[in-house]
C-alpha atoms as a PDB file:
ATOM      1  CA  UNK A   1      33.108  69.984 -19.216  1.00  0.00           C
ATOM      2  CA  UNK A   2      30.773  70.560 -22.200  1.00  0.00           C
ATOM      3  CA  UNK A   3      27.209  71.389 -21.191  1.00  0.00           C
ATOM      4  CA  UNK A   4      25.893  68.893 -23.760  1.00  0.00           C
ATOM      5  CA  UNK A   5      27.873  66.077 -22.138  1.00  0.00           C
ATOM      6  CA  UNK A   6      26.611  67.103 -18.699  1.00  0.00           C
ATOM      7  CA  UNK A   7      23.058  67.195 -20.077  1.00  0.00           C
ATOM      8  CA  UNK A   8      23.258  63.632 -21.431  1.00  0.00           C
ATOM      9  CA  UNK A   9      24.716  62.289 -18.177  1.00  0.00           C
ATOM     10  CA  UNK A  10      22.137  64.123 -16.072  1.00  0.00           C
ATOM     11  CA  UNK A  11      19.224  62.773 -18.112  1.00  0.00           C
ATOM     12  CA  UNK A  12      20.677  59.295 -18.500  1.00  0.00           C
ATOM     13  CA  UNK A  13      20.633  58.928 -14.724  1.00  0.00           C
ATOM     14  CA  UNK A  14      17.189  60.500 -14.397  1.00  0.00           C
ATOM     15  CA  UNK A  15      15.648  58.143 -16.927  1.00  0.00           C
ATOM     16  CA  UNK A  16      17.261  55.086 -15.328  1.00  0.00           C
ATOM     17  CA  UNK A  17      16.012  56.157 -11.903  1.00  0.00           C
ATOM     18  CA  UNK A  18      12.572  56.961 -13.329  1.00  0.00           C
ATOM     19  CA  UNK A  19      12.284  53.475 -14.825  1.00  0.00           C
ATOM     20  CA  UNK A  20      13.126  51.982 -11.428  1.00  0.00           C
ATOM     21  CA  UNK A  21      10.653  54.167  -9.614  1.00  0.00           C
ATOM     22  CA  UNK A  22       7.915  53.488 -12.155  1.00  0.00           C
ATOM     23  CA  UNK A  23       8.530  49.801 -11.485  1.00  0.00           C
ATOM     24  CA  UNK A  24       8.295  50.462  -7.738  1.00  0.00           C
ATOM     25  CA  UNK A  25       4.989  52.346  -8.066  1.00  0.00           C
ATOM     26  CA  UNK A  26       3.518  49.659 -10.309  1.00  0.00           C
ATOM     27  CA  UNK A  27       4.763  46.925  -8.005  1.00  0.00           C
ATOM     28  CA  UNK A  28       3.159  48.390  -4.886  1.00  0.00           C
ATOM     29  CA  UNK A  29      -0.131  48.794  -6.773  1.00  0.00           C
ATOM     30  CA  UNK A  30       0.076  45.292  -8.227  1.00  0.00           C
ATOM     31  CA  UNK A  31       0.908  43.677  -4.866  1.00  0.00           C
ATOM     32  CA  UNK A  32      -1.839  45.659  -3.113  1.00  0.00           C
ATOM     33  CA  UNK A  33      -4.360  44.634  -5.769  1.00  0.00           C
ATOM     34  CA  UNK A  34      -3.783  40.987  -4.788  1.00  0.00           C
ATOM     35  CA  UNK A  35      -5.097  41.682  -1.269  1.00  0.00           C
ATOM     36  CA  UNK A  36      -8.786  41.147  -0.436  1.00  0.00           C
ATOM     37  CA  UNK A  37     -10.535  44.427  -1.271  1.00  0.00           C
ATOM     38  CA  UNK A  38     -13.534  45.816  -3.091  1.00  0.00           C
ATOM     39  CA  UNK A  39     -13.386  46.604  -6.794  1.00  0.00           C
ATOM     40  CA  UNK A  40     -13.922  50.312  -6.004  1.00  0.00           C
ATOM     41  CA  UNK A  41     -10.883  50.449  -3.700  1.00  0.00           C
ATOM     42  CA  UNK A  42      -8.730  48.668  -6.284  1.00  0.00           C
ATOM     43  CA  UNK A  43      -9.936  51.098  -8.961  1.00  0.00           C
ATOM     44  CA  UNK A  44      -8.897  54.093  -6.850  1.00  0.00           C
ATOM     45  CA  UNK A  45      -5.373  52.708  -6.621  1.00  0.00           C
ATOM     46  CA  UNK A  46      -4.935  52.449 -10.408  1.00  0.00           C
ATOM     47  CA  UNK A  47      -6.561  55.838 -10.993  1.00  0.00           C
ATOM     48  CA  UNK A  48      -4.320  57.407  -8.360  1.00  0.00           C
ATOM     49  CA  UNK A  49      -1.216  56.056 -10.064  1.00  0.00           C
ATOM     50  CA  UNK A  50      -2.176  57.740 -13.342  1.00  0.00           C
ATOM     51  CA  UNK A  51      -3.198  60.981 -11.653  1.00  0.00           C
ATOM     52  CA  UNK A  52      -0.058  61.434  -9.581  1.00  0.00           C
ATOM     53  CA  UNK A  53       2.079  60.597 -12.621  1.00  0.00           C
ATOM     54  CA  UNK A  54       0.118  63.242 -14.556  1.00  0.00           C
ATOM     55  CA  UNK A  55      -0.733  60.695 -17.236  1.00  0.00           C
ATOM     56  CA  UNK A  56      -4.506  60.425 -16.955  1.00  0.00           C
ATOM     57  CA  UNK A  57      -5.151  62.475 -20.108  1.00  0.00           C
ATOM     58  CA  UNK A  58      -2.584  60.548 -22.163  1.00  0.00           C
ATOM     59  CA  UNK A  59      -4.021  57.244 -20.943  1.00  0.00           C
ATOM     60  CA  UNK A  60      -7.664  58.126 -21.715  1.00  0.00           C
ATOM     61  CA  UNK A  61      -6.704  59.362 -25.176  1.00  0.00           C
ATOM     62  CA  UNK A  62      -5.454  55.883 -26.034  1.00  0.00           C
ATOM     63  CA  UNK A  63      -7.460  53.486 -23.874  1.00  0.00           C
ATOM     64  CA  UNK A  64     -10.668  55.405 -23.228  1.00  0.00           C
ATOM     65  CA  UNK A  65     -12.230  56.182 -19.849  1.00  0.00           C
ATOM     66  CA  UNK A  66     -12.225  52.603 -18.572  1.00  0.00           C
ATOM     67  CA  UNK A  67      -9.250  52.084 -16.252  1.00  0.00           C
ATOM     68  CA  UNK A  68      -8.257  48.433 -15.942  1.00  0.00           C
ATOM     69  CA  UNK A  69      -5.144  46.925 -14.336  1.00  0.00           C
ATOM     70  CA  UNK A  70      -4.145  45.262 -17.621  1.00  0.00           C
ATOM     71  CA  UNK A  71      -4.327  48.519 -19.602  1.00  0.00           C
ATOM     72  CA  UNK A  72      -2.540  50.560 -16.933  1.00  0.00           C
ATOM     73  CA  UNK A  73       0.272  48.009 -16.703  1.00  0.00           C
ATOM     74  CA  UNK A  74       0.609  47.886 -20.492  1.00  0.00           C
ATOM     75  CA  UNK A  75       0.594  51.693 -20.675  1.00  0.00           C
ATOM     76  CA  UNK A  76       3.186  52.125 -17.920  1.00  0.00           C
ATOM     77  CA  UNK A  77       5.493  49.287 -18.986  1.00  0.00           C
ATOM     78  CA  UNK A  78       5.669  48.871 -22.751  1.00  0.00           C
ATOM     79  CA  UNK A  79       3.792  51.788 -24.350  1.00  0.00           C
ATOM     80  CA  UNK A  80       6.212  53.784 -26.520  1.00  0.00           C
ATOM     81  CA  UNK A  81       3.792  56.733 -26.699  1.00  0.00           C
ATOM     82  CA  UNK A  82       4.054  57.188 -22.921  1.00  0.00           C
ATOM     83  CA  UNK A  83       7.356  59.003 -22.218  1.00  0.00           C
ATOM     84  CA  UNK A  84       7.278  57.763 -18.605  1.00  0.00           C
ATOM     85  CA  UNK A  85       6.821  54.077 -19.421  1.00  0.00           C
ATOM     86  CA  UNK A  86       9.615  51.724 -18.399  1.00  0.00           C
ATOM     87  CA  UNK A  87      10.293  50.975 -22.070  1.00  0.00           C
ATOM     88  CA  UNK A  88      10.547  54.662 -23.019  1.00  0.00           C
ATOM     89  CA  UNK A  89      12.707  55.518 -19.980  1.00  0.00           C
ATOM     90  CA  UNK A  90      15.240  52.737 -20.552  1.00  0.00           C
ATOM     91  CA  UNK A  91      15.362  53.558 -24.258  1.00  0.00           C
ATOM     92  CA  UNK A  92      16.050  57.240 -23.475  1.00  0.00           C
ATOM     93  CA  UNK A  93      18.691  56.262 -20.876  1.00  0.00           C
ATOM     94  CA  UNK A  94      20.461  54.079 -23.432  1.00  0.00           C
ATOM     95  CA  UNK A  95      20.326  56.798 -26.115  1.00  0.00           C
ATOM     96  CA  UNK A  96      21.782  59.377 -23.720  1.00  0.00           C
ATOM     97  CA  UNK A  97      24.522  56.912 -22.764  1.00  0.00           C
ATOM     98  CA  UNK A  98      25.311  56.270 -26.432  1.00  0.00           C
ATOM     99  CA  UNK A  99      25.609  60.007 -27.074  1.00  0.00           C
ATOM    100  CA  UNK A 100      28.378  60.306 -24.452  1.00  0.00           C
ATOM    101  CA  UNK A 101      29.935  56.876 -24.941  1.00  0.00           C
ATOM    102  CA  UNK A 102      33.410  58.411 -24.657  1.00  0.00           C
ATOM    103  CA  UNK A 103      32.674  59.835 -21.216  1.00  0.00           C
ATOM    104  CA  UNK A 104      31.636  56.437 -19.809  1.00  0.00           C
ATOM    105  CA  UNK A 105      33.733  53.475 -18.773  1.00  0.00           C
ATOM    106  CA  UNK A 106      33.378  50.318 -20.852  1.00  0.00           C
ATOM    107  CA  UNK A 107      31.673  48.519 -17.958  1.00  0.00           C
ATOM    108  CA  UNK A 108      29.155  51.322 -17.515  1.00  0.00           C
ATOM    109  CA  UNK A 109      28.246  51.490 -21.195  1.00  0.00           C
ATOM    110  CA  UNK A 110      27.892  47.717 -21.468  1.00  0.00           C
ATOM    111  CA  UNK A 111      25.584  47.689 -18.447  1.00  0.00           C
ATOM    112  CA  UNK A 112      23.294  50.328 -19.981  1.00  0.00           C
ATOM    113  CA  UNK A 113      23.309  48.662 -23.393  1.00  0.00           C
ATOM    114  CA  UNK A 114      22.691  45.175 -22.004  1.00  0.00           C
ATOM    115  CA  UNK A 115      19.725  46.426 -19.986  1.00  0.00           C
ATOM    116  CA  UNK A 116      18.128  47.761 -23.160  1.00  0.00           C
ATOM    117  CA  UNK A 117      18.766  44.553 -25.105  1.00  0.00           C
ATOM    118  CA  UNK A 118      17.420  42.347 -22.300  1.00  0.00           C
ATOM    119  CA  UNK A 119      14.336  44.527 -21.906  1.00  0.00           C
ATOM    120  CA  UNK A 120      13.401  44.028 -25.545  1.00  0.00           C
ATOM    121  CA  UNK A 121      13.939  40.287 -25.257  1.00  0.00           C
ATOM    122  CA  UNK A 122      11.822  40.032 -22.084  1.00  0.00           C
ATOM    123  CA  UNK A 123       8.919  42.016 -23.523  1.00  0.00           C
ATOM    124  CA  UNK A 124       8.917  39.983 -26.744  1.00  0.00           C
ATOM    125  CA  UNK A 125       8.978  36.685 -24.850  1.00  0.00           C
ATOM    126  CA  UNK A 126       5.984  37.756 -22.677  1.00  0.00           C
ATOM    127  CA  UNK A 127       7.994  37.475 -19.430  1.00  0.00           C
ATOM    128  CA  UNK A 128       6.205  40.544 -18.104  1.00  0.00           C
ATOM    129  CA  UNK A 129       2.726  39.110 -18.615  1.00  0.00           C
ATOM    130  CA  UNK A 130       3.660  35.803 -16.958  1.00  0.00           C
ATOM    131  CA  UNK A 131       4.983  37.398 -13.770  1.00  0.00           C
ATOM    132  CA  UNK A 132       4.744  41.204 -13.419  1.00  0.00           C
ATOM    133  CA  UNK A 133       6.308  41.105  -9.944  1.00  0.00           C
ATOM    134  CA  UNK A 134       9.414  39.334 -11.196  1.00  0.00           C
ATOM    135  CA  UNK A 135       9.725  41.790 -14.095  1.00  0.00           C
ATOM    136  CA  UNK A 136       9.554  44.781 -11.732  1.00  0.00           C
ATOM    137  CA  UNK A 137      12.283  43.208  -9.587  1.00  0.00           C
ATOM    138  CA  UNK A 138      14.434  42.854 -12.708  1.00  0.00           C
ATOM    139  CA  UNK A 139      14.003  46.553 -13.544  1.00  0.00           C
ATOM    140  CA  UNK A 140      15.022  47.508 -10.005  1.00  0.00           C
ATOM    141  CA  UNK A 141      18.025  45.177 -10.118  1.00  0.00           C
ATOM    142  CA  UNK A 142      19.284  46.670 -13.405  1.00  0.00           C
ATOM    143  CA  UNK A 143      19.014  50.164 -11.941  1.00  0.00           C
ATOM    144  CA  UNK A 144      20.959  49.065  -8.844  1.00  0.00           C
ATOM    145  CA  UNK A 145      23.569  47.502 -11.114  1.00  0.00           C
ATOM    146  CA  UNK A 146      23.895  50.668 -13.181  1.00  0.00           C
ATOM    147  CA  UNK A 147      24.504  52.824 -10.092  1.00  0.00           C
ATOM    148  CA  UNK A 148      26.949  50.327  -8.641  1.00  0.00           C
ATOM    149  CA  UNK A 149      28.999  50.135 -11.839  1.00  0.00           C
ATOM    150  CA  UNK A 150      29.050  53.940 -12.068  1.00  0.00           C
ATOM    151  CA  UNK A 151      30.333  54.308  -8.501  1.00  0.00           C
ATOM    152  CA  UNK A 152      32.808  51.478  -8.902  1.00  0.00           C
ATOM    153  CA  UNK A 153      34.324  52.455 -12.256  1.00  0.00           C
ATOM    154  CA  UNK A 154      33.796  56.147 -13.069  1.00  0.00           C
ATOM    155  CA  UNK A 155      36.306  58.873 -12.313  1.00  0.00           C
ATOM    156  CA  UNK A 156      34.669  61.101  -9.701  1.00  0.00           C
ATOM    157  CA  UNK A 157      34.904  64.269 -11.772  1.00  0.00           C
ATOM    158  CA  UNK A 158      32.198  66.685 -12.925  1.00  0.00           C
ATOM    159  CA  UNK A 159      30.642  64.025 -15.158  1.00  0.00           C
ATOM    160  CA  UNK A 160      30.151  61.766 -12.155  1.00  0.00           C
ATOM    161  CA  UNK A 161      28.579  64.561 -10.090  1.00  0.00           C
ATOM    162  CA  UNK A 162      26.050  65.445 -12.816  1.00  0.00           C
ATOM    163  CA  UNK A 163      25.184  61.759 -13.064  1.00  0.00           C
ATOM    164  CA  UNK A 164      24.599  61.558  -9.300  1.00  0.00           C
ATOM    165  CA  UNK A 165      22.684  64.829  -9.191  1.00  0.00           C
ATOM    166  CA  UNK A 166      20.215  63.570 -11.781  1.00  0.00           C
ATOM    167  CA  UNK A 167      19.745  60.295  -9.903  1.00  0.00           C
ATOM    168  CA  UNK A 168      18.802  61.890  -6.596  1.00  0.00           C
ATOM    169  CA  UNK A 169      16.719  64.714  -8.017  1.00  0.00           C
ATOM    170  CA  UNK A 170      14.617  62.094  -9.796  1.00  0.00           C
ATOM    171  CA  UNK A 171      14.496  59.937  -6.660  1.00  0.00           C
ATOM    172  CA  UNK A 172      13.213  62.811  -4.534  1.00  0.00           C
ATOM    173  CA  UNK A 173      10.477  63.501  -7.076  1.00  0.00           C
ATOM    174  CA  UNK A 174       9.424  59.868  -7.344  1.00  0.00           C
ATOM    175  CA  UNK A 175       9.485  59.076  -3.614  1.00  0.00           C
ATOM    176  CA  UNK A 176       7.198  62.054  -3.028  1.00  0.00           C
ATOM    177  CA  UNK A 177       4.847  60.840  -5.785  1.00  0.00           C
ATOM    178  CA  UNK A 178       4.833  57.289  -4.421  1.00  0.00           C
ATOM    179  CA  UNK A 179       3.950  58.559  -0.942  1.00  0.00           C
ATOM    180  CA  UNK A 180       1.179  60.718  -2.325  1.00  0.00           C
ATOM    181  CA  UNK A 181      -0.293  57.802  -4.299  1.00  0.00           C
ATOM    182  CA  UNK A 182      -0.427  55.563  -1.260  1.00  0.00           C
ATOM    183  CA  UNK A 183      -1.704  58.075   1.273  1.00  0.00           C
ATOM    184  CA  UNK A 184      -4.350  59.262  -1.181  1.00  0.00           C
ATOM    185  CA  UNK A 185      -5.527  55.711  -1.885  1.00  0.00           C
ATOM    186  CA  UNK A 186      -6.529  55.065   1.733  1.00  0.00           C
ATOM    187  CA  UNK A 187     -10.100  56.206   2.292  1.00  0.00           C
ATOM    188  CA  UNK A 188     -10.261  55.907   6.070  1.00  0.00           C
ATOM    189  CA  UNK A 189      -9.004  58.581   8.413  1.00  0.00           C
ATOM    190  CA  UNK A 190      -5.863  56.639   9.237  1.00  0.00           C
ATOM    191  CA  UNK A 191      -4.585  59.237  11.646  1.00  0.00           C
ATOM    192  CA  UNK A 192      -7.601  58.751  13.859  1.00  0.00           C
ATOM    193  CA  UNK A 193      -8.976  55.729  15.677  1.00  0.00           C
ATOM    194  CA  UNK A 194      -9.355  52.597  13.575  1.00  0.00           C
ATOM    195  CA  UNK A 195     -11.045  49.309  14.211  1.00  0.00           C
ATOM    196  CA  UNK A 196      -8.986  46.163  14.720  1.00  0.00           C
ATOM    197  CA  UNK A 197     -10.029  44.963  11.255  1.00  0.00           C
ATOM    198  CA  UNK A 198      -8.964  48.282   9.680  1.00  0.00           C
ATOM    199  CA  UNK A 199      -5.606  48.099  11.439  1.00  0.00           C
ATOM    200  CA  UNK A 200      -5.013  44.566  10.173  1.00  0.00           C
ATOM    201  CA  UNK A 201      -6.062  45.585   6.649  1.00  0.00           C
ATOM    202  CA  UNK A 202      -3.851  48.688   6.639  1.00  0.00           C
ATOM    203  CA  UNK A 203      -0.831  46.739   7.935  1.00  0.00           C
ATOM    204  CA  UNK A 204      -0.513  44.979   4.579  1.00  0.00           C
ATOM    205  CA  UNK A 205      -0.854  48.230   2.658  1.00  0.00           C
ATOM    206  CA  UNK A 206       1.798  50.065   4.695  1.00  0.00           C
ATOM    207  CA  UNK A 207       4.032  46.987   4.480  1.00  0.00           C
ATOM    208  CA  UNK A 208       3.626  47.076   0.702  1.00  0.00           C
ATOM    209  CA  UNK A 209       4.715  50.701   0.391  1.00  0.00           C
ATOM    210  CA  UNK A 210       7.713  50.093   2.674  1.00  0.00           C
ATOM    211  CA  UNK A 211       8.759  47.097   0.602  1.00  0.00           C
ATOM    212  CA  UNK A 212       8.354  49.142  -2.567  1.00  0.00           C
ATOM    213  CA  UNK A 213      11.126  51.474  -1.379  1.00  0.00           C
ATOM    214  CA  UNK A 214      13.187  48.679   0.211  1.00  0.00           C
ATOM    215  CA  UNK A 215      12.233  50.107   3.587  1.00  0.00           C
ATOM    216  CA  UNK A 216      10.487  47.283   5.451  1.00  0.00           C
ATOM    217  CA  UNK A 217      13.596  45.998   7.258  1.00  0.00           C
ATOM    218  CA  UNK A 218      14.786  49.569   7.795  1.00  0.00           C
ATOM    219  CA  UNK A 219      11.476  50.455   9.454  1.00  0.00           C
ATOM    220  CA  UNK A 220      11.711  47.480  11.802  1.00  0.00           C
ATOM    221  CA  UNK A 221      15.253  48.382  12.754  1.00  0.00           C
ATOM    222  CA  UNK A 222      14.474  52.066  13.383  1.00  0.00           C
ATOM    223  CA  UNK A 223      11.113  51.836  15.158  1.00  0.00           C
ATOM    224  CA  UNK A 224      10.917  48.250  16.469  1.00  0.00           C
ATOM    225  CA  UNK A 225       7.142  48.541  16.663  1.00  0.00           C
ATOM    226  CA  UNK A 226       3.932  48.170  14.672  1.00  0.00           C
ATOM    227  CA  UNK A 227       3.718  49.940  11.333  1.00  0.00           C
ATOM    228  CA  UNK A 228       1.827  53.232  11.544  1.00  0.00           C
ATOM    229  CA  UNK A 229       1.157  55.794   8.771  1.00  0.00           C
ATOM    230  CA  UNK A 230       2.830  58.582  10.756  1.00  0.00           C
ATOM    231  CA  UNK A 231       6.090  56.668  11.072  1.00  0.00           C
ATOM    232  CA  UNK A 232       6.018  55.548   7.437  1.00  0.00           C
ATOM    233  CA  UNK A 233       5.720  59.203   6.453  1.00  0.00           C
ATOM    234  CA  UNK A 234       8.498  60.220   8.847  1.00  0.00           C
ATOM    235  CA  UNK A 235      10.830  57.504   7.562  1.00  0.00           C
ATOM    236  CA  UNK A 236      10.321  58.370   3.898  1.00  0.00           C
ATOM    237  CA  UNK A 237      10.345  62.146   4.315  1.00  0.00           C
ATOM    238  CA  UNK A 238      12.612  63.179   7.184  1.00  0.00           C
ATOM    239  CA  UNK A 239      15.033  60.329   7.967  1.00  0.00           C
ATOM    240  CA  UNK A 240      18.340  61.258   6.305  1.00  0.00           C
ATOM    241  CA  UNK A 241      19.702  57.765   7.025  1.00  0.00           C
ATOM    242  CA  UNK A 242      16.952  56.146   4.911  1.00  0.00           C
ATOM    243  CA  UNK A 243      18.455  55.935   1.371  1.00  0.00           C
ATOM    244  CA  UNK A 244      15.252  56.679  -0.553  1.00  0.00           C
ATOM    245  CA  UNK A 245      13.861  59.386   1.737  1.00  0.00           C
ATOM    246  CA  UNK A 246      13.320  62.969   0.620  1.00  0.00           C
ATOM    247  CA  UNK A 247      15.902  64.187   3.134  1.00  0.00           C
ATOM    248  CA  UNK A 248      18.593  61.741   1.954  1.00  0.00           C
ATOM    249  CA  UNK A 249      17.915  62.587  -1.704  1.00  0.00           C
ATOM    250  CA  UNK A 250      18.190  66.342  -1.105  1.00  0.00           C
ATOM    251  CA  UNK A 251      21.425  65.839   0.831  1.00  0.00           C
ATOM    252  CA  UNK A 252      22.933  64.169  -2.237  1.00  0.00           C
ATOM    253  CA  UNK A 253      21.572  66.803  -4.634  1.00  0.00           C
ATOM    254  CA  UNK A 254      23.061  69.642  -2.587  1.00  0.00           C
ATOM    255  CA  UNK A 255      26.404  67.874  -2.070  1.00  0.00           C
ATOM    256  CA  UNK A 256      26.858  67.215  -5.788  1.00  0.00           C
ATOM    257  CA  UNK A 257      25.535  70.632  -6.773  1.00  0.00           C
ATOM    258  CA  UNK A 258      28.061  72.268  -4.441  1.00  0.00           C
ATOM    259  CA  UNK A 259      30.957  70.518  -6.207  1.00  0.00           C
ATOM    260  CA  UNK A 260      29.964  71.676  -9.723  1.00  0.00           C
ATOM    261  CA  UNK A 261      28.721  75.151  -8.713  1.00  0.00           C
ATOM    262  CA  UNK A 262      29.747  78.081 -10.919  1.00  0.00           C
ATOM    263  CA  UNK A 263      29.199  81.834 -11.010  1.00  0.00           C
ATOM    264  CA  UNK A 264      25.684  81.387 -12.429  1.00  0.00           C
ATOM    265  CA  UNK A 265      24.383  78.812  -9.971  1.00  0.00           C
ATOM    266  CA  UNK A 266      24.385  80.702  -6.664  1.00  0.00           C
ATOM    267  CA  UNK A 267      20.594  81.107  -6.520  1.00  0.00           C
ATOM    268  CA  UNK A 268      20.019  77.473  -7.498  1.00  0.00           C
ATOM    269  CA  UNK A 269      22.349  76.295  -4.741  1.00  0.00           C
ATOM    270  CA  UNK A 270      20.593  78.598  -2.246  1.00  0.00           C
ATOM    271  CA  UNK A 271      17.173  77.181  -3.119  1.00  0.00           C
ATOM    272  CA  UNK A 272      18.427  73.607  -2.952  1.00  0.00           C
ATOM    273  CA  UNK A 273      20.004  74.317   0.437  1.00  0.00           C
ATOM    274  CA  UNK A 274      16.798  75.916   1.712  1.00  0.00           C
ATOM    275  CA  UNK A 275      14.739  72.917   0.631  1.00  0.00           C
ATOM    276  CA  UNK A 276      17.187  70.606   2.385  1.00  0.00           C
ATOM    277  CA  UNK A 277      17.070  72.760   5.535  1.00  0.00           C
ATOM    278  CA  UNK A 278      13.260  72.724   5.518  1.00  0.00           C
ATOM    279  CA  UNK A 279      13.401  68.920   5.603  1.00  0.00           C
ATOM    280  CA  UNK A 280      16.236  68.821   8.120  1.00  0.00           C
ATOM    281  CA  UNK A 281      14.370  70.900  10.694  1.00  0.00           C
ATOM    282  CA  UNK A 282      10.799  69.745   9.986  1.00  0.00           C
ATOM    283  CA  UNK A 283       8.719  67.582  12.314  1.00  0.00           C
ATOM    284  CA  UNK A 284       6.303  64.975  11.060  1.00  0.00           C
ATOM    285  CA  UNK A 285       3.484  66.072  13.385  1.00  0.00           C
ATOM    286  CA  UNK A 286       3.690  69.605  11.946  1.00  0.00           C
ATOM    287  CA  UNK A 287       3.635  68.263   8.386  1.00  0.00           C
ATOM    288  CA  UNK A 288       0.610  66.070   9.074  1.00  0.00           C
ATOM    289  CA  UNK A 289      -1.284  68.815  10.891  1.00  0.00           C
ATOM    290  CA  UNK A 290      -0.978  71.140   7.882  1.00  0.00           C
ATOM    291  CA  UNK A 291      -1.735  68.355   5.384  1.00  0.00           C
ATOM    292  CA  UNK A 292       0.547  65.744   3.883  1.00  0.00           C
ATOM    293  CA  UNK A 293      -0.837  66.140   0.364  1.00  0.00           C
ATOM    294  CA  UNK A 294      -0.263  69.898   0.432  1.00  0.00           C
ATOM    295  CA  UNK A 295       3.278  69.373   1.728  1.00  0.00           C
ATOM    296  CA  UNK A 296       4.136  66.812  -0.958  1.00  0.00           C
ATOM    297  CA  UNK A 297       2.575  68.921  -3.720  1.00  0.00           C
ATOM    298  CA  UNK A 298       4.672  71.929  -2.683  1.00  0.00           C
ATOM    299  CA  UNK A 299       7.771  69.730  -2.423  1.00  0.00           C
ATOM    300  CA  UNK A 300       7.221  68.411  -5.953  1.00  0.00           C
ATOM    301  CA  UNK A 301       6.832  71.959  -7.272  1.00  0.00           C
ATOM    302  CA  UNK A 302      10.107  72.999  -5.628  1.00  0.00           C
ATOM    303  CA  UNK A 303      11.983  69.938  -6.901  1.00  0.00           C
ATOM    304  CA  UNK A 304      10.669  70.557 -10.421  1.00  0.00           C
ATOM    305  CA  UNK A 305      11.773  74.203 -10.199  1.00  0.00           C
ATOM    306  CA  UNK A 306      15.194  73.021  -9.003  1.00  0.00           C
ATOM    307  CA  UNK A 307      15.513  70.748 -12.032  1.00  0.00           C
ATOM    308  CA  UNK A 308      14.633  73.622 -14.365  1.00  0.00           C
ATOM    309  CA  UNK A 309      17.190  75.897 -12.715  1.00  0.00           C
ATOM    310  CA  UNK A 310      19.939  73.251 -12.935  1.00  0.00           C
ATOM    311  CA  UNK A 311      19.195  72.911 -16.649  1.00  0.00           C
ATOM    312  CA  UNK A 312      19.377  76.688 -17.126  1.00  0.00           C
ATOM    313  CA  UNK A 313      22.620  77.017 -15.143  1.00  0.00           C
ATOM    314  CA  UNK A 314      24.581  74.078 -16.526  1.00  0.00           C
ATOM    315  CA  UNK A 315      22.882  72.101 -19.245  1.00  0.00           C
ATOM    316  CA  UNK A 316      21.552  72.438 -22.771  1.00  0.00           C
ATOM    317  CA  UNK A 317      18.514  74.772 -22.715  1.00  0.00           C
ATOM    318  CA  UNK A 318      15.183  73.131 -23.542  1.00  0.00           C
ATOM    319  CA  UNK A 319      13.653  74.127 -26.869  1.00  0.00           C
END
């Protein structure tokens, strides 16, 4: 297939997934901010979201040094100057879909187009301001719908595999960022002894992050015990049967990459396979003993490098 077509499909799926994951990160911060906590702790959460998204400089250029929930939400949802805002992501997804309209089924195109039209209507009617939580759920639902229509209607040829590859590469990146935001936001040494009050306080925070990745019920089914940071990390990093985990995402990336592999992509496939193997044979106690932040930072670097290599091997080179 034409590399330009593959490029549009790859980025269409990445932008759709990025919009969903931006909604998930904002939702966990918004829900956590409703819990009883000091202003300083709440501030750290919003700052952490900008830092891990690498948007602190862009934010301060427009809004100044004061970081408020209202400004962060506006910046991450509707700001056209922020390429990672939900508005910008869904606009880019729709434009990429329009560019390869002939490669999509009618149902798939109409889903992408309708999402864009509804987004504009919702933002103009102030639906987001009235209930941010409901708006974030809508963004997640439209992303689920897009994936479901793609699986249910598209021919499973190379176009489909590039679409899927983009989805799970973006998901791996965003799950790692979400984990890093949450674990960084907790000031206490949560892997050591904690008071009963701390444990009760942290329960709501760990519940919030699990719900943000649709993992609360999954956690209960897998562990059947109280929520602990170590198990949250294990579930979202190493459990291949957890749909939004790093391990599950890399499995999908490697599987789809294997199908479209060509004579130029051997090294890319090797690196993707090595990253998957590192997750497959890792242990959470080893990861935590060497530092979760360091592990996630290295993982993000490797995923970013993988994305660059896929672009060089298959897609339209970046200018």
